[in-house]
Amino acid sequence: MKNFRITAKYSLQRKEFIFRKEIRAIDLRRAIEKFYSILGSQKIKRSSIRIIKIEEIEPTEFKSRRLQKIALSKNPVLYVEE
């Protein structure tokens, strides 16, 4: 698994918002797809999103302690609710 930080901006009602999201994925293509999926669940259209920067980061660089803990563990376990 690789760790990515994606910085992007999107427009909503004539206002621009800049933000970044940290994502764990197998490769860059899947990280971008996951990124769009997360924003799509917030009703933001792909056409209004502009990716500014994508960088691969080390597990210690995560801002989210939860993701950092998963990335640094030797046997990460993910729970799926059914």
PDB file of N, CA and C in Angstrom:
ATOM      1  N   MET A   1       0.843  -1.183   0.000  1.00  0.00           N
ATOM      2  CA  MET A   1       0.000   0.000   0.000  1.00  0.00           C
ATOM      3  C   MET A   1       0.889   1.247   0.000  1.00  0.00           C
ATOM      4  N   LYS A   2       0.456   2.221  -0.760  1.00  0.00           N
ATOM      5  CA  LYS A   2       1.165   3.498  -0.812  1.00  0.00           C
ATOM      6  C   LYS A   2       0.295   4.561  -0.176  1.00  0.00           C
ATOM      7  N   ASN A   3       0.928   5.625   0.261  1.00  0.00           N
ATOM      8  CA  ASN A   3       0.235   6.725   0.930  1.00  0.00           C
ATOM      9  C   ASN A   3       0.347   7.973   0.058  1.00  0.00           C
ATOM     10  N   PHE A   4      -0.790   8.616  -0.167  1.00  0.00           N
ATOM     11  CA  PHE A   4      -0.817   9.798  -1.016  1.00  0.00           C
ATOM     12  C   PHE A   4      -1.489  10.961  -0.305  1.00  0.00           C
ATOM     13  N   ARG A   5      -1.007  12.166  -0.591  1.00  0.00           N
ATOM     14  CA  ARG A   5      -1.676  13.392  -0.158  1.00  0.00           C
ATOM     15  C   ARG A   5      -2.058  14.138  -1.431  1.00  0.00           C
ATOM     16  N   ILE A   6      -3.356  14.355  -1.598  1.00  0.00           N
ATOM     17  CA  ILE A   6      -3.865  15.017  -2.797  1.00  0.00           C
ATOM     18  C   ILE A   6      -4.390  16.386  -2.412  1.00  0.00           C
ATOM     19  N   THR A   7      -3.872  17.411  -3.059  1.00  0.00           N
ATOM     20  CA  THR A   7      -4.328  18.773  -2.849  1.00  0.00           C
ATOM     21  C   THR A   7      -5.151  19.178  -4.062  1.00  0.00           C
ATOM     22  N   ALA A   8      -6.323  19.733  -3.805  1.00  0.00           N
ATOM     23  CA  ALA A   8      -7.223  20.082  -4.908  1.00  0.00           C
ATOM     24  C   ALA A   8      -8.045  21.306  -4.552  1.00  0.00           C
ATOM     25  N   LYS A   9      -8.712  21.831  -5.565  1.00  0.00           N
ATOM     26  CA  LYS A   9      -9.664  22.908  -5.326  1.00  0.00           C
ATOM     27  C   LYS A   9     -10.921  22.618  -6.119  1.00  0.00           C
ATOM     28  N   TYR A  10     -12.012  23.105  -5.625  1.00  0.00           N
ATOM     29  CA  TYR A  10     -13.278  22.942  -6.332  1.00  0.00           C
ATOM     30  C   TYR A  10     -14.112  24.188  -6.152  1.00  0.00           C
ATOM     31  N   SER A  11     -15.004  24.424  -7.106  1.00  0.00           N
ATOM     32  CA  SER A  11     -15.886  25.587  -7.010  1.00  0.00           C
ATOM     33  C   SER A  11     -17.291  25.110  -6.690  1.00  0.00           C
ATOM     34  N   LEU A  12     -17.910  25.875  -5.832  1.00  0.00           N
ATOM     35  CA  LEU A  12     -19.271  25.576  -5.425  1.00  0.00           C
ATOM     36  C   LEU A  12     -19.967  26.903  -5.193  1.00  0.00           C
ATOM     37  N   GLN A  13     -20.992  27.177  -5.962  1.00  0.00           N
ATOM     38  CA  GLN A  13     -21.756  28.421  -5.880  1.00  0.00           C
ATOM     39  C   GLN A  13     -20.848  29.647  -6.000  1.00  0.00           C
ATOM     40  N   ARG A  14     -19.997  29.631  -7.017  1.00  0.00           N
ATOM     41  CA  ARG A  14     -19.084  30.736  -7.344  1.00  0.00           C
ATOM     42  C   ARG A  14     -18.021  31.007  -6.279  1.00  0.00           C
ATOM     43  N   LYS A  15     -17.783  30.073  -5.389  1.00  0.00           N
ATOM     44  CA  LYS A  15     -16.707  30.184  -4.404  1.00  0.00           C
ATOM     45  C   LYS A  15     -15.736  29.043  -4.634  1.00  0.00           C
ATOM     46  N   GLU A  16     -14.444  29.301  -4.416  1.00  0.00           N
ATOM     47  CA  GLU A  16     -13.437  28.261  -4.571  1.00  0.00           C
ATOM     48  C   GLU A  16     -12.939  27.816  -3.214  1.00  0.00           C
ATOM     49  N   PHE A  17     -12.798  26.515  -3.060  1.00  0.00           N
ATOM     50  CA  PHE A  17     -12.312  25.930  -1.823  1.00  0.00           C
ATOM     51  C   PHE A  17     -11.071  25.102  -2.140  1.00  0.00           C
ATOM     52  N   ILE A  18     -10.037  25.252  -1.333  1.00  0.00           N
ATOM     53  CA  ILE A  18      -8.812  24.471  -1.481  1.00  0.00           C
ATOM     54  C   ILE A  18      -8.710  23.556  -0.265  1.00  0.00           C
ATOM     55  N   PHE A  19      -8.378  22.306  -0.509  1.00  0.00           N
ATOM     56  CA  PHE A  19      -8.261  21.364   0.596  1.00  0.00           C
ATOM     57  C   PHE A  19      -7.304  20.247   0.206  1.00  0.00           C
ATOM     58  N   ARG A  20      -6.938  19.431   1.205  1.00  0.00           N
ATOM     59  CA  ARG A  20      -6.100  18.264   0.919  1.00  0.00           C
ATOM     60  C   ARG A  20      -6.666  17.062   1.644  1.00  0.00           C
ATOM     61  N   LYS A  21      -6.427  15.909   1.048  1.00  0.00           N
ATOM     62  CA  LYS A  21      -6.942  14.652   1.580  1.00  0.00           C
ATOM     63  C   LYS A  21      -5.833  13.616   1.524  1.00  0.00           C
ATOM     64  N   GLU A  22      -5.688  12.843   2.595  1.00  0.00           N
ATOM     65  CA  GLU A  22      -4.694  11.772   2.635  1.00  0.00           C
ATOM     66  C   GLU A  22      -5.395  10.444   2.394  1.00  0.00           C
ATOM     67  N   ILE A  23      -4.831   9.657   1.488  1.00  0.00           N
ATOM     68  CA  ILE A  23      -5.468   8.420   1.053  1.00  0.00           C
ATOM     69  C   ILE A  23      -4.424   7.313   0.962  1.00  0.00           C
ATOM     70  N   ARG A  24      -4.818   6.113   1.388  1.00  0.00           N
ATOM     71  CA  ARG A  24      -3.982   4.925   1.214  1.00  0.00           C
ATOM     72  C   ARG A  24      -4.571   4.111   0.063  1.00  0.00           C
ATOM     73  N   ALA A  25      -3.714   3.757  -0.895  1.00  0.00           N
ATOM     74  CA  ALA A  25      -4.182   2.981  -2.042  1.00  0.00           C
ATOM     75  C   ALA A  25      -3.034   2.161  -2.616  1.00  0.00           C
ATOM     76  N   ILE A  26      -3.374   1.218  -3.479  1.00  0.00           N
ATOM     77  CA  ILE A  26      -2.363   0.355  -4.089  1.00  0.00           C
ATOM     78  C   ILE A  26      -1.511   1.134  -5.090  1.00  0.00           C
ATOM     79  N   ASP A  27      -2.140   2.023  -5.872  1.00  0.00           N
ATOM     80  CA  ASP A  27      -1.389   2.827  -6.829  1.00  0.00           C
ATOM     81  C   ASP A  27      -2.060   4.190  -6.999  1.00  0.00           C
ATOM     82  N   LEU A  28      -1.435   5.035  -7.787  1.00  0.00           N
ATOM     83  CA  LEU A  28      -1.904   6.411  -7.972  1.00  0.00           C
ATOM     84  C   LEU A  28      -3.295   6.465  -8.600  1.00  0.00           C
ATOM     85  N   ARG A  29      -3.544   5.640  -9.590  1.00  0.00           N
ATOM     86  CA  ARG A  29      -4.846   5.639 -10.269  1.00  0.00           C
ATOM     87  C   ARG A  29      -5.981   5.337  -9.287  1.00  0.00           C
ATOM     88  N   ARG A  30      -5.777   4.361  -8.437  1.00  0.00           N
ATOM     89  CA  ARG A  30      -6.814   4.013  -7.455  1.00  0.00           C
ATOM     90  C   ARG A  30      -6.954   5.080  -6.379  1.00  0.00           C
ATOM     91  N   ALA A  31      -5.868   5.754  -6.041  1.00  0.00           N
ATOM     92  CA  ALA A  31      -5.940   6.842  -5.060  1.00  0.00           C
ATOM     93  C   ALA A  31      -6.791   7.985  -5.608  1.00  0.00           C
ATOM     94  N   ILE A  32      -6.601   8.316  -6.882  1.00  0.00           N
ATOM     95  CA  ILE A  32      -7.384   9.389  -7.500  1.00  0.00           C
ATOM     96  C   ILE A  32      -8.857   8.999  -7.575  1.00  0.00           C
ATOM     97  N   GLU A  33      -9.125   7.753  -7.934  1.00  0.00           N
ATOM     98  CA  GLU A  33     -10.515   7.291  -8.011  1.00  0.00           C
ATOM     99  C   GLU A  33     -11.178   7.335  -6.631  1.00  0.00           C
ATOM    100  N   LYS A  34     -10.454   6.948  -5.595  1.00  0.00           N
ATOM    101  CA  LYS A  34     -10.986   7.000  -4.228  1.00  0.00           C
ATOM    102  C   LYS A  34     -11.253   8.453  -3.823  1.00  0.00           C
ATOM    103  N   PHE A  35     -10.352   9.341  -4.211  1.00  0.00           N
ATOM    104  CA  PHE A  35     -10.495  10.763  -3.930  1.00  0.00           C
ATOM    105  C   PHE A  35     -11.780  11.310  -4.557  1.00  0.00           C
ATOM    106  N   TYR A  36     -11.992  11.003  -5.841  1.00  0.00           N
ATOM    107  CA  TYR A  36     -13.215  11.451  -6.513  1.00  0.00           C
ATOM    108  C   TYR A  36     -14.457  10.815  -5.883  1.00  0.00           C
ATOM    109  N   SER A  37     -14.349   9.585  -5.462  1.00  0.00           N
ATOM    110  CA  SER A  37     -15.464   8.895  -4.834  1.00  0.00           C
ATOM    111  C   SER A  37     -15.863   9.568  -3.525  1.00  0.00           C
ATOM    112  N   ILE A  38     -14.877   9.953  -2.733  1.00  0.00           N
ATOM    113  CA  ILE A  38     -15.149  10.629  -1.465  1.00  0.00           C
ATOM    114  C   ILE A  38     -15.837  11.965  -1.705  1.00  0.00           C
ATOM    115  N   LEU A  39     -15.343  12.723  -2.676  1.00  0.00           N
ATOM    116  CA  LEU A  39     -15.955  14.019  -2.968  1.00  0.00           C
ATOM    117  C   LEU A  39     -17.331  13.863  -3.606  1.00  0.00           C
ATOM    118  N   GLY A  40     -17.500  12.833  -4.404  1.00  0.00           N
ATOM    119  CA  GLY A  40     -18.799  12.577  -5.014  1.00  0.00           C
ATOM    120  C   GLY A  40     -19.866  12.288  -3.983  1.00  0.00           C
ATOM    121  N   SER A  41     -19.482  11.672  -2.884  1.00  0.00           N
ATOM    122  CA  SER A  41     -20.452  11.401  -1.823  1.00  0.00           C
ATOM    123  C   SER A  41     -20.892  12.694  -1.130  1.00  0.00           C
ATOM    124  N   GLN A  42     -20.140  13.763  -1.336  1.00  0.00           N
ATOM    125  CA  GLN A  42     -20.496  15.078  -0.794  1.00  0.00           C
ATOM    126  C   GLN A  42     -21.207  15.942  -1.835  1.00  0.00           C
ATOM    127  N   LYS A  43     -21.626  15.313  -2.949  1.00  0.00           N
ATOM    128  CA  LYS A  43     -22.361  15.973  -4.039  1.00  0.00           C
ATOM    129  C   LYS A  43     -21.520  17.004  -4.801  1.00  0.00           C
ATOM    130  N   ILE A  44     -20.207  16.758  -4.865  1.00  0.00           N
ATOM    131  CA  ILE A  44     -19.325  17.628  -5.647  1.00  0.00           C
ATOM    132  C   ILE A  44     -19.028  16.908  -6.956  1.00  0.00           C
ATOM    133  N   LYS A  45     -19.292  17.555  -8.073  1.00  0.00           N
ATOM    134  CA  LYS A  45     -19.108  16.932  -9.379  1.00  0.00           C
ATOM    135  C   LYS A  45     -17.626  16.892  -9.766  1.00  0.00           C
ATOM    136  N   ARG A  46     -17.246  15.831 -10.471  1.00  0.00           N
ATOM    137  CA  ARG A  46     -15.857  15.678 -10.908  1.00  0.00           C
ATOM    138  C   ARG A  46     -15.398  16.837 -11.779  1.00  0.00           C
ATOM    139  N   SER A  47     -16.300  17.379 -12.575  1.00  0.00           N
ATOM    140  CA  SER A  47     -15.925  18.464 -13.483  1.00  0.00           C
ATOM    141  C   SER A  47     -15.579  19.759 -12.737  1.00  0.00           C
ATOM    142  N   SER A  48     -16.017  19.898 -11.494  1.00  0.00           N
ATOM    143  CA  SER A  48     -15.712  21.114 -10.739  1.00  0.00           C
ATOM    144  C   SER A  48     -14.464  20.963  -9.874  1.00  0.00           C
ATOM    145  N   ILE A  49     -13.844  19.773  -9.890  1.00  0.00           N
ATOM    146  CA  ILE A  49     -12.649  19.520  -9.068  1.00  0.00           C
ATOM    147  C   ILE A  49     -11.403  19.671  -9.930  1.00  0.00           C
ATOM    148  N   ARG A  50     -10.426  20.407  -9.438  1.00  0.00           N
ATOM    149  CA  ARG A  50      -9.132  20.566 -10.104  1.00  0.00           C
ATOM    150  C   ARG A  50      -8.051  20.090  -9.135  1.00  0.00           C
ATOM    151  N   ILE A  51      -7.365  19.014  -9.503  1.00  0.00           N
ATOM    152  CA  ILE A  51      -6.281  18.508  -8.658  1.00  0.00           C
ATOM    153  C   ILE A  51      -5.055  19.378  -8.879  1.00  0.00           C
ATOM    154  N   ILE A  52      -4.524  19.917  -7.799  1.00  0.00           N
ATOM    155  CA  ILE A  52      -3.368  20.810  -7.863  1.00  0.00           C
ATOM    156  C   ILE A  52      -2.065  20.023  -7.723  1.00  0.00           C
ATOM    157  N   LYS A  53      -2.035  19.133  -6.719  1.00  0.00           N
ATOM    158  CA  LYS A  53      -0.785  18.422  -6.445  1.00  0.00           C
ATOM    159  C   LYS A  53      -1.091  17.053  -5.854  1.00  0.00           C
ATOM    160  N   ILE A  54      -0.309  16.060  -6.272  1.00  0.00           N
ATOM    161  CA  ILE A  54      -0.389  14.717  -5.704  1.00  0.00           C
ATOM    162  C   ILE A  54       1.023  14.342  -5.276  1.00  0.00           C
ATOM    163  N   GLU A  55       1.167  13.950  -4.023  1.00  0.00           N
ATOM    164  CA  GLU A  55       2.488  13.547  -3.557  1.00  0.00           C
ATOM    165  C   GLU A  55       2.386  12.248  -2.774  1.00  0.00           C
ATOM    166  N   GLU A  56       3.400  11.412  -2.950  1.00  0.00           N
ATOM    167  CA  GLU A  56       3.466  10.189  -2.170  1.00  0.00           C
ATOM    168  C   GLU A  56       4.180  10.540  -0.871  1.00  0.00           C
ATOM    169  N   ILE A  57       3.608  10.123   0.247  1.00  0.00           N
ATOM    170  CA  ILE A  57       4.155  10.506   1.547  1.00  0.00           C
ATOM    171  C   ILE A  57       4.518   9.273   2.369  1.00  0.00           C
ATOM    172  N   GLU A  58       5.341   9.492   3.357  1.00  0.00           N
ATOM    173  CA  GLU A  58       5.709   8.444   4.303  1.00  0.00           C
ATOM    174  C   GLU A  58       4.597   8.291   5.330  1.00  0.00           C
ATOM    175  N   PRO A  59       4.462   7.122   5.940  1.00  0.00           N
ATOM    176  CA  PRO A  59       3.410   6.928   6.948  1.00  0.00           C
ATOM    177  C   PRO A  59       3.509   7.894   8.135  1.00  0.00           C
ATOM    178  N   THR A  60       4.704   8.340   8.450  1.00  0.00           N
ATOM    179  CA  THR A  60       4.871   9.263   9.576  1.00  0.00           C
ATOM    180  C   THR A  60       4.389  10.675   9.254  1.00  0.00           C
ATOM    181  N   GLU A  61       4.138  10.975   7.980  1.00  0.00           N
ATOM    182  CA  GLU A  61       3.702  12.311   7.570  1.00  0.00           C
ATOM    183  C   GLU A  61       2.184  12.487   7.579  1.00  0.00           C
ATOM    184  N   PHE A  62       1.426  11.429   7.892  1.00  0.00           N
ATOM    185  CA  PHE A  62      -0.027  11.538   7.947  1.00  0.00           C
ATOM    186  C   PHE A  62      -0.459  12.528   9.018  1.00  0.00           C
ATOM    187  N   LYS A  63      -1.435  13.361   8.713  1.00  0.00           N
ATOM    188  CA  LYS A  63      -2.018  14.256   9.707  1.00  0.00           C
ATOM    189  C   LYS A  63      -3.012  13.490  10.579  1.00  0.00           C
ATOM    190  N   SER A  64      -3.685  12.510   9.971  1.00  0.00           N
ATOM    191  CA  SER A  64      -4.676  11.699  10.678  1.00  0.00           C
ATOM    192  C   SER A  64      -3.954  10.623  11.495  1.00  0.00           C
ATOM    193  N   ARG A  65      -4.138  10.650  12.794  1.00  0.00           N
ATOM    194  CA  ARG A  65      -3.507   9.656  13.662  1.00  0.00           C
ATOM    195  C   ARG A  65      -4.027   8.248  13.370  1.00  0.00           C
ATOM    196  N   ARG A  66      -5.291   8.156  12.998  1.00  0.00           N
ATOM    197  CA  ARG A  66      -5.892   6.861  12.697  1.00  0.00           C
ATOM    198  C   ARG A  66      -5.214   6.217  11.483  1.00  0.00           C
ATOM    199  N   LEU A  67      -5.045   6.979  10.407  1.00  0.00           N
ATOM    200  CA  LEU A  67      -4.371   6.455   9.219  1.00  0.00           C
ATOM    201  C   LEU A  67      -2.901   6.161   9.499  1.00  0.00           C
ATOM    202  N   GLN A  68      -2.283   7.001  10.296  1.00  0.00           N
ATOM    203  CA  GLN A  68      -0.877   6.795  10.632  1.00  0.00           C
ATOM    204  C   GLN A  68      -0.702   5.487  11.412  1.00  0.00           C
ATOM    205  N   LYS A  69      -1.600   5.234  12.333  1.00  0.00           N
ATOM    206  CA  LYS A  69      -1.533   4.013  13.124  1.00  0.00           C
ATOM    207  C   LYS A  69      -1.716   2.780  12.241  1.00  0.00           C
ATOM    208  N   ILE A  70      -2.657   2.837  11.301  1.00  0.00           N
ATOM    209  CA  ILE A  70      -2.879   1.720  10.380  1.00  0.00           C
ATOM    210  C   ILE A  70      -1.661   1.513   9.480  1.00  0.00           C
ATOM    211  N   ALA A  71      -1.105   2.603   8.964  1.00  0.00           N
ATOM    212  CA  ALA A  71       0.027   2.514   8.043  1.00  0.00           C
ATOM    213  C   ALA A  71       1.289   1.984   8.723  1.00  0.00           C
ATOM    214  N   LEU A  72       1.475   2.296   9.994  1.00  0.00           N
ATOM    215  CA  LEU A  72       2.683   1.886  10.696  1.00  0.00           C
ATOM    216  C   LEU A  72       2.578   0.514  11.355  1.00  0.00           C
ATOM    217  N   SER A  73       1.374  -0.034  11.462  1.00  0.00           N
ATOM    218  CA  SER A  73       1.224  -1.330  12.120  1.00  0.00           C
ATOM    219  C   SER A  73       1.773  -2.447  11.227  1.00  0.00           C
ATOM    220  N   LYS A  74       2.263  -3.493  11.862  1.00  0.00           N
ATOM    221  CA  LYS A  74       2.843  -4.604  11.109  1.00  0.00           C
ATOM    222  C   LYS A  74       1.766  -5.459  10.457  1.00  0.00           C
ATOM    223  N   ASN A  75       0.631  -5.603  11.120  1.00  0.00           N
ATOM    224  CA  ASN A  75      -0.488  -6.386  10.590  1.00  0.00           C
ATOM    225  C   ASN A  75      -1.748  -5.536  10.616  1.00  0.00           C
ATOM    226  N   PRO A  76      -1.915  -4.625   9.651  1.00  0.00           N
ATOM    227  CA  PRO A  76      -3.105  -3.775   9.682  1.00  0.00           C
ATOM    228  C   PRO A  76      -4.384  -4.583   9.466  1.00  0.00           C
ATOM    229  N   VAL A  77      -5.375  -4.294  10.274  1.00  0.00           N
ATOM    230  CA  VAL A  77      -6.656  -4.973  10.179  1.00  0.00           C
ATOM    231  C   VAL A  77      -7.709  -3.937   9.882  1.00  0.00           C
ATOM    232  N   LEU A  78      -8.503  -4.174   8.876  1.00  0.00           N
ATOM    233  CA  LEU A  78      -9.592  -3.284   8.535  1.00  0.00           C
ATOM    234  C   LEU A  78     -10.909  -4.002   8.807  1.00  0.00           C
ATOM    235  N   TYR A  79     -11.797  -3.346   9.513  1.00  0.00           N
ATOM    236  CA  TYR A  79     -13.089  -3.929   9.818  1.00  0.00           C
ATOM    237  C   TYR A  79     -14.111  -3.416   8.820  1.00  0.00           C
ATOM    238  N   VAL A  80     -14.913  -4.320   8.296  1.00  0.00           N
ATOM    239  CA  VAL A  80     -15.945  -3.950   7.335  1.00  0.00           C
ATOM    240  C   VAL A  80     -17.290  -4.259   7.959  1.00  0.00           C
ATOM    241  N   GLU A  81     -18.160  -3.246   8.005  1.00  0.00           N
ATOM    242  CA  GLU A  81     -19.495  -3.461   8.535  1.00  0.00           C
ATOM    243  C   GLU A  81     -20.379  -4.005   7.442  1.00  0.00           C
ATOM    244  N   GLU A  82     -21.234  -4.942   7.788  1.00  0.00           N
ATOM    245  CA  GLU A  82     -22.150  -5.507   6.797  1.00  0.00           C
ATOM    246  C   GLU A  82     -23.551  -5.035   7.021  1.00  0.00           C
TER     247      GLU A  82
END
